[in-house]
Amino acid sequence: MTTRATKTARTGTDTGTAPAVSFTGAVKTFGEVRAVDGLDLEIAAGETVALLGRNGAGKSTAISLLLGLDDPDEGRVELFGAAPQDSVRAGRVGAMLQEGRAVPRVTVAELVGFVAGRYPAPMAVPEALRLAGIEELAGRRVDKLSGGQTQRVRFAVALAGNPSLIVLDEPTAALDVEARHAFWASMRAFTQRGHTVLFSTHYLEEADANADRIVVIDHGRVVADGSGEELRRAGGGSLVCFDLAGRGSEGLSLLPGVLSVEIRGDRARLRTDDSDATVVALAAMNAVRNLEVAPASLDDAFMALTADPRDLERV
């Protein structure tokens, strides 16, 4: 099941301006592996978009194409209507990648200032530190910081060029809860200026809380694109759970509305697009025991949208 963004506000075509990010039939292969397989995606200027996908789904390769670190074998990738390398050289793009090593014997302010000096119209260093929430770290050595502090320094470095688009690859990986909240507060301060943000994450609650759109990639293609609520509906609107009380699971997948069945111990979880019809059918079977009906979570929707069809019924 796929939900595709159709609002013209998401494409940038209403005003005649080029979208901030555009993938058109992009393909990237590594040997026999098609890491990106005909990827089509547009992100309008000013949007905050979360990129989700399982490990190996193609997220990191898509980000490499976007930043001009790799070239597509087929199709086209553009940033603001230009080649990624040109937009990066012009200072329109900042990136915060997963990998990075602390620079020894330099202070935070020195590092951010050095990076800012490589751009044609950089952000003032004090402003970058303020937006990243690390003003108090300006005189501290980068190699003496905690993991959460180092991650926010990377964010300041990404801001140094005053980019129109910032790309964040798993920005809160390995951070504790407090550090994650601090990071997202800093990111929201940046987006309030009207800049475009694309971030990948494994934390679905972060995507739901901080993104205008959530794009799900699987096998190198977009399989869902919409708000968190739209994805929840696309992945199967509700869960109906009840105790089997020793009863078998035969026939549950044939009940009205049921899309998939999962058995956990003595409890059945039915994903359904018509919970009322499913519950009525269960009542007719005298199978309503400790019944619970709830909307599908974003986790449930993600699993449904990226599941192998052969795995949809697990009984």
Protein backbone atom coordinates (compact mmCIF):
# COMPACT_ATOMS: atom_id res chain seq x y z
CA MET A 1 0.00 0.00 0.00
CA THR A 2 1.42 3.39 -0.96
CA THR A 3 0.43 6.93 -0.17
CA ARG A 4 2.06 9.53 -2.37
CA ALA A 5 2.27 13.27 -1.69
CA THR A 6 0.01 15.11 -4.09
CA LYS A 7 -0.28 18.55 -2.52
CA THR A 8 1.19 21.19 -4.81
CA ALA A 9 2.72 22.90 -1.78
CA ARG A 10 5.08 19.95 -1.53
CA THR A 11 6.49 20.25 -5.03
CA GLY A 12 7.31 23.92 -5.35
CA THR A 13 5.75 23.95 -8.83
CA ASP A 14 2.95 26.40 -7.91
CA THR A 15 5.29 29.37 -7.73
CA GLY A 16 7.52 28.27 -10.57
CA THR A 17 10.43 27.80 -8.20
CA ALA A 18 12.48 24.64 -8.26
CA PRO A 19 11.99 22.26 -5.33
CA ALA A 20 14.73 22.13 -2.73
CA VAL A 21 15.25 18.42 -3.44
CA SER A 22 14.30 16.46 -6.55
CA PHE A 23 14.92 12.79 -7.35
CA THR A 24 13.64 11.72 -10.76
CA GLY A 25 13.95 8.01 -11.57
CA ALA A 26 17.25 7.86 -9.68
CA VAL A 27 19.06 4.51 -9.76
CA LYS A 28 22.29 3.53 -8.00
CA THR A 29 23.72 0.03 -8.14
CA PHE A 30 26.60 -1.64 -6.36
CA GLY A 31 27.37 -4.83 -8.23
CA GLU A 32 24.10 -6.72 -8.40
CA VAL A 33 22.49 -4.68 -5.62
CA ARG A 34 20.15 -1.84 -6.68
CA ALA A 35 20.47 0.28 -3.55
CA VAL A 36 18.32 3.02 -5.11
CA ASP A 37 15.84 1.74 -7.66
CA GLY A 38 13.96 4.40 -9.62
CA LEU A 39 13.56 6.83 -6.71
CA ASP A 40 11.12 9.70 -7.29
CA LEU A 41 10.89 12.34 -4.57
CA GLU A 42 10.39 16.09 -4.30
CA ILE A 43 10.77 18.30 -1.24
CA ALA A 44 9.64 21.90 -1.37
CA ALA A 45 11.65 24.74 0.14
CA GLY A 46 10.76 25.19 3.80
CA GLU A 47 9.60 21.63 4.45
CA THR A 48 10.88 19.36 7.20
CA VAL A 49 10.88 15.77 5.94
CA ALA A 50 11.78 12.56 7.75
CA LEU A 51 13.26 9.69 5.77
CA LEU A 52 12.48 6.25 7.19
CA GLY A 53 13.46 2.77 6.10
CA ARG A 54 14.86 -0.50 7.35
CA ASN A 55 18.60 -1.10 7.32
CA GLY A 56 19.58 -1.62 3.70
CA ALA A 57 16.45 0.11 2.38
CA GLY A 58 18.48 2.71 0.46
CA LYS A 59 18.37 5.72 2.80
CA SER A 60 22.12 6.25 3.11
CA THR A 61 22.66 5.80 -0.62
CA ALA A 62 19.90 8.31 -1.36
CA ILE A 63 21.58 10.82 0.97
CA SER A 64 24.94 10.23 -0.76
CA LEU A 65 23.31 10.98 -4.11
CA LEU A 66 21.63 14.07 -2.69
CA LEU A 67 24.92 15.45 -1.38
CA GLY A 68 26.80 14.71 -4.61
CA LEU A 69 29.03 12.12 -2.91
CA ASP A 70 27.83 9.61 -5.53
CA ASP A 71 26.34 10.04 -8.99
CA PRO A 72 23.22 8.16 -10.08
CA ASP A 73 23.67 5.45 -12.70
CA GLU A 74 20.31 6.48 -14.16
CA GLY A 75 17.87 9.30 -13.59
CA ARG A 76 18.53 12.71 -12.10
CA VAL A 77 19.09 14.31 -8.70
CA GLU A 78 18.86 18.09 -8.26
CA LEU A 79 19.02 20.56 -5.40
CA PHE A 80 17.32 23.90 -6.03
CA GLY A 81 17.27 23.08 -9.73
CA ALA A 82 21.02 22.51 -9.97
CA ALA A 83 23.41 19.58 -9.68
CA PRO A 84 24.05 18.61 -6.04
CA GLN A 85 27.77 19.42 -6.29
CA ASP A 86 26.97 22.94 -7.53
CA SER A 87 24.51 23.60 -4.70
CA VAL A 88 26.97 22.30 -2.13
CA ARG A 89 29.78 24.51 -3.51
CA ALA A 90 27.44 27.51 -3.42
CA GLY A 91 26.89 26.96 0.29
CA ARG A 92 23.21 26.15 -0.04
CA VAL A 93 23.54 22.75 1.64
CA GLY A 94 24.76 21.69 5.06
CA ALA A 95 25.08 18.10 6.24
CA MET A 96 25.44 16.27 9.51
CA LEU A 97 26.49 12.70 8.81
CA GLN A 98 26.76 9.73 11.17
CA GLU A 99 30.50 9.33 10.87
CA GLY A 100 32.94 11.93 12.08
CA ARG A 101 36.00 12.15 14.32
CA ALA A 102 36.61 14.89 16.86
CA VAL A 103 39.37 17.31 15.84
CA PRO A 104 42.06 17.41 18.53
CA ARG A 105 43.26 20.57 20.29
CA VAL A 106 40.78 23.02 18.76
CA THR A 107 37.91 24.73 20.50
CA VAL A 108 34.30 24.56 19.39
CA ALA A 109 34.34 28.19 18.24
CA GLU A 110 37.57 27.66 16.28
CA LEU A 111 36.16 24.61 14.50
CA VAL A 112 32.87 26.27 13.57
CA GLY A 113 34.73 29.41 12.48
CA PHE A 114 37.11 27.42 10.28
CA VAL A 115 34.22 25.65 8.52
CA ALA A 116 32.28 28.90 8.14
CA GLY A 117 35.29 30.46 6.42
CA ARG A 118 35.04 27.92 3.60
CA TYR A 119 31.61 29.25 2.49
CA PRO A 120 30.76 32.35 0.42
CA ALA A 121 28.11 33.75 2.81
CA PRO A 122 28.49 31.96 6.14
CA MET A 123 26.47 32.30 9.30
CA ALA A 124 28.13 34.27 12.08
CA VAL A 125 29.83 31.86 14.48
CA PRO A 126 27.97 33.13 17.59
CA GLU A 127 24.67 32.66 15.74
CA ALA A 128 25.52 29.09 14.72
CA LEU A 129 26.49 28.27 18.30
CA ARG A 130 23.26 29.84 19.60
CA LEU A 131 21.06 27.93 17.16
CA ALA A 132 22.82 24.68 18.08
CA GLY A 133 22.36 25.45 21.77
CA ILE A 134 26.09 25.30 22.58
CA GLU A 135 27.07 28.92 23.30
CA GLU A 136 28.51 27.84 26.65
CA LEU A 137 30.82 25.37 24.87
CA ALA A 138 32.51 27.94 22.61
CA GLY A 139 35.86 27.80 24.44
CA ARG A 140 35.84 24.06 25.13
CA ARG A 141 38.05 21.63 23.21
CA VAL A 142 36.09 19.52 20.76
CA ASP A 143 37.87 16.31 21.74
CA LYS A 144 36.90 16.77 25.40
CA LEU A 145 33.12 16.86 24.93
CA SER A 146 30.46 14.29 25.75
CA GLY A 147 28.66 12.39 23.00
CA GLY A 148 25.59 14.63 23.17
CA GLN A 149 27.70 17.79 23.13
CA THR A 150 29.74 16.51 20.19
CA GLN A 151 26.56 15.79 18.23
CA ARG A 152 25.36 19.36 18.74
CA VAL A 153 28.77 20.66 17.65
CA ARG A 154 28.29 18.69 14.43
CA PHE A 155 24.95 20.44 14.04
CA ALA A 156 26.64 23.83 14.47
CA VAL A 157 29.22 22.84 11.84
CA ALA A 158 26.40 21.92 9.46
CA LEU A 159 24.85 25.35 10.08
CA ALA A 160 28.14 27.23 9.57
CA GLY A 161 27.62 27.86 5.87
CA ASN A 162 24.14 29.33 6.49
CA PRO A 163 22.55 26.68 4.25
CA SER A 164 19.06 26.75 2.75
CA LEU A 165 18.90 22.94 3.10
CA ILE A 166 20.31 20.86 5.92
CA VAL A 167 20.60 17.06 5.75
CA LEU A 168 20.79 15.10 9.00
CA ASP A 169 21.69 11.41 8.86
CA GLU A 170 20.55 9.68 12.09
CA PRO A 171 21.27 12.86 14.08
CA THR A 172 20.27 11.47 17.50
CA ALA A 173 21.77 7.98 17.23
CA ALA A 174 23.29 6.90 20.56
CA LEU A 175 22.09 10.03 22.39
CA ASP A 176 20.28 9.80 25.71
CA VAL A 177 16.76 11.15 26.11
CA GLU A 178 17.83 14.55 27.47
CA ALA A 179 20.36 15.07 24.67
CA ARG A 180 17.77 14.07 22.04
CA HIS A 181 15.29 16.65 23.36
CA ALA A 182 17.99 19.33 23.37
CA PHE A 183 18.97 18.50 19.80
CA TRP A 184 15.41 18.72 18.44
CA ALA A 185 14.85 22.01 20.23
CA SER A 186 17.89 23.35 18.37
CA MET A 187 16.68 21.94 15.06
CA ARG A 188 13.24 23.56 15.46
CA ALA A 189 14.91 26.93 16.03
CA PHE A 190 16.59 26.48 12.63
CA THR A 191 13.44 25.40 10.79
CA GLN A 192 11.47 28.37 12.16
CA ARG A 193 13.59 30.51 9.85
CA GLY A 194 11.99 28.82 6.83
CA HIS A 195 14.90 26.54 5.96
CA THR A 196 14.48 23.04 4.51
CA VAL A 197 15.39 19.99 6.59
CA LEU A 198 15.72 16.36 5.55
CA PHE A 199 16.59 13.89 8.30
CA SER A 200 16.80 10.12 8.50
CA THR A 201 16.03 8.36 11.75
CA HIS A 202 15.20 5.01 13.30
CA TYR A 203 13.15 6.75 16.01
CA LEU A 204 9.64 6.83 14.57
CA GLU A 205 8.33 9.05 17.37
CA GLU A 206 10.94 11.66 16.38
CA ALA A 207 9.73 11.60 12.80
CA ASP A 208 6.12 11.99 13.92
CA ALA A 209 6.91 14.87 16.28
CA ASN A 210 9.35 16.87 14.14
CA ALA A 211 8.51 16.33 10.44
CA ASP A 212 5.88 17.86 8.17
CA ARG A 213 6.10 14.73 6.03
CA ILE A 214 7.37 11.21 6.53
CA VAL A 215 8.81 9.40 3.50
CA VAL A 216 9.26 5.65 3.80
CA ILE A 217 11.80 3.98 1.51
CA ASP A 218 12.00 0.25 0.93
CA HIS A 219 14.10 -1.61 -1.65
CA GLY A 220 15.34 1.75 -2.97
CA ARG A 221 11.89 3.20 -3.71
CA VAL A 222 9.34 5.39 -1.96
CA VAL A 223 6.57 3.16 -0.59
CA ALA A 224 4.77 5.79 1.49
CA ASP A 225 4.78 9.58 1.68
CA GLY A 226 2.56 11.65 3.94
CA SER A 227 1.92 12.84 7.47
CA GLY A 228 2.17 10.48 10.42
CA GLU A 229 -1.61 10.17 10.48
CA GLU A 230 -1.73 9.43 6.75
CA LEU A 231 0.86 6.69 7.17
CA ARG A 232 -1.04 5.17 10.07
CA ARG A 233 -4.14 4.95 7.87
CA ALA A 234 -2.14 3.58 4.93
CA GLY A 235 -0.63 0.87 7.10
CA GLY A 236 -3.99 -0.42 8.36
CA GLY A 237 -6.15 1.80 10.49
CA SER A 238 -6.73 -0.18 13.70
CA LEU A 239 -5.63 -3.05 15.89
CA VAL A 240 -8.14 -5.42 17.46
CA CYS A 241 -6.61 -7.49 20.24
CA PHE A 242 -8.21 -10.20 22.35
CA ASP A 243 -7.38 -13.29 24.40
CA LEU A 244 -7.71 -16.60 22.59
CA ALA A 245 -8.38 -18.40 25.91
CA GLY A 246 -7.24 -21.68 24.39
CA ARG A 247 -9.17 -21.17 21.15
CA GLY A 248 -7.27 -21.75 17.92
CA SER A 249 -6.46 -19.01 15.44
CA GLU A 250 -8.05 -20.72 12.45
CA GLY A 251 -10.25 -18.46 10.36
CA LEU A 252 -9.18 -15.16 11.95
CA SER A 253 -7.56 -13.94 8.74
CA LEU A 254 -10.91 -14.40 6.94
CA LEU A 255 -12.87 -12.07 9.24
CA PRO A 256 -14.24 -8.82 7.75
CA GLY A 257 -11.64 -6.07 7.52
CA VAL A 258 -8.71 -8.17 8.72
CA LEU A 259 -5.45 -7.46 6.90
CA SER A 260 -3.05 -9.50 9.03
CA VAL A 261 -2.98 -11.72 12.09
CA GLU A 262 -0.30 -12.01 14.76
CA ILE A 263 -0.39 -14.36 17.74
CA ARG A 264 1.59 -13.47 20.86
CA GLY A 265 1.23 -16.22 23.39
CA ASP A 266 -2.49 -16.58 24.04
CA ARG A 267 -3.35 -13.15 22.61
CA ALA A 268 -4.33 -12.35 19.03
CA ARG A 269 -3.58 -9.05 17.31
CA LEU A 270 -5.63 -8.37 14.19
CA ARG A 271 -4.70 -5.47 11.94
CA THR A 272 -7.93 -4.30 10.33
CA ASP A 273 -9.27 -1.54 8.11
CA ASP A 274 -12.79 -1.96 9.54
CA SER A 275 -12.58 -2.51 13.28
CA ASP A 276 -16.37 -2.37 13.77
CA ALA A 277 -16.97 -5.21 11.31
CA THR A 278 -14.12 -7.22 12.81
CA VAL A 279 -15.46 -6.87 16.36
CA VAL A 280 -19.03 -7.78 15.29
CA ALA A 281 -17.69 -10.94 13.64
CA LEU A 282 -15.68 -11.85 16.74
CA ALA A 283 -18.76 -11.35 18.91
CA ALA A 284 -20.72 -13.69 16.66
CA MET A 285 -18.00 -16.29 17.27
CA ASN A 286 -18.22 -15.70 21.04
CA ALA A 287 -14.53 -14.80 20.88
CA VAL A 288 -14.58 -11.41 22.64
CA ARG A 289 -12.35 -11.83 25.69
CA ASN A 290 -10.35 -8.94 27.15
CA LEU A 291 -11.01 -6.98 23.94
CA GLU A 292 -8.91 -3.97 23.05
CA VAL A 293 -9.41 -1.76 19.96
CA ALA A 294 -6.86 0.97 19.24
CA PRO A 295 -5.57 2.98 16.28
CA ALA A 296 -2.48 1.51 14.66
CA SER A 297 0.73 3.11 15.89
CA LEU A 298 3.32 4.53 13.53
CA ASP A 299 5.47 1.50 14.36
CA ASP A 300 2.62 -0.78 13.24
CA ALA A 301 2.16 1.22 10.04
CA PHE A 302 5.88 1.16 9.28
CA MET A 303 6.07 -2.60 9.72
CA ALA A 304 3.01 -3.09 7.51
CA LEU A 305 4.29 -0.78 4.77
CA THR A 306 7.70 -2.45 4.60
CA ALA A 307 6.65 -6.06 5.26
CA ASP A 308 7.28 -8.87 2.84
CA PRO A 309 3.81 -9.91 1.61
CA ARG A 310 4.65 -13.51 2.54
CA ASP A 311 4.99 -12.40 6.16
CA LEU A 312 1.71 -10.54 6.50
CA GLU A 313 0.01 -13.48 8.22
CA ARG A 314 1.95 -14.90 11.13
CA VAL A 315 -0.15 -17.43 12.96
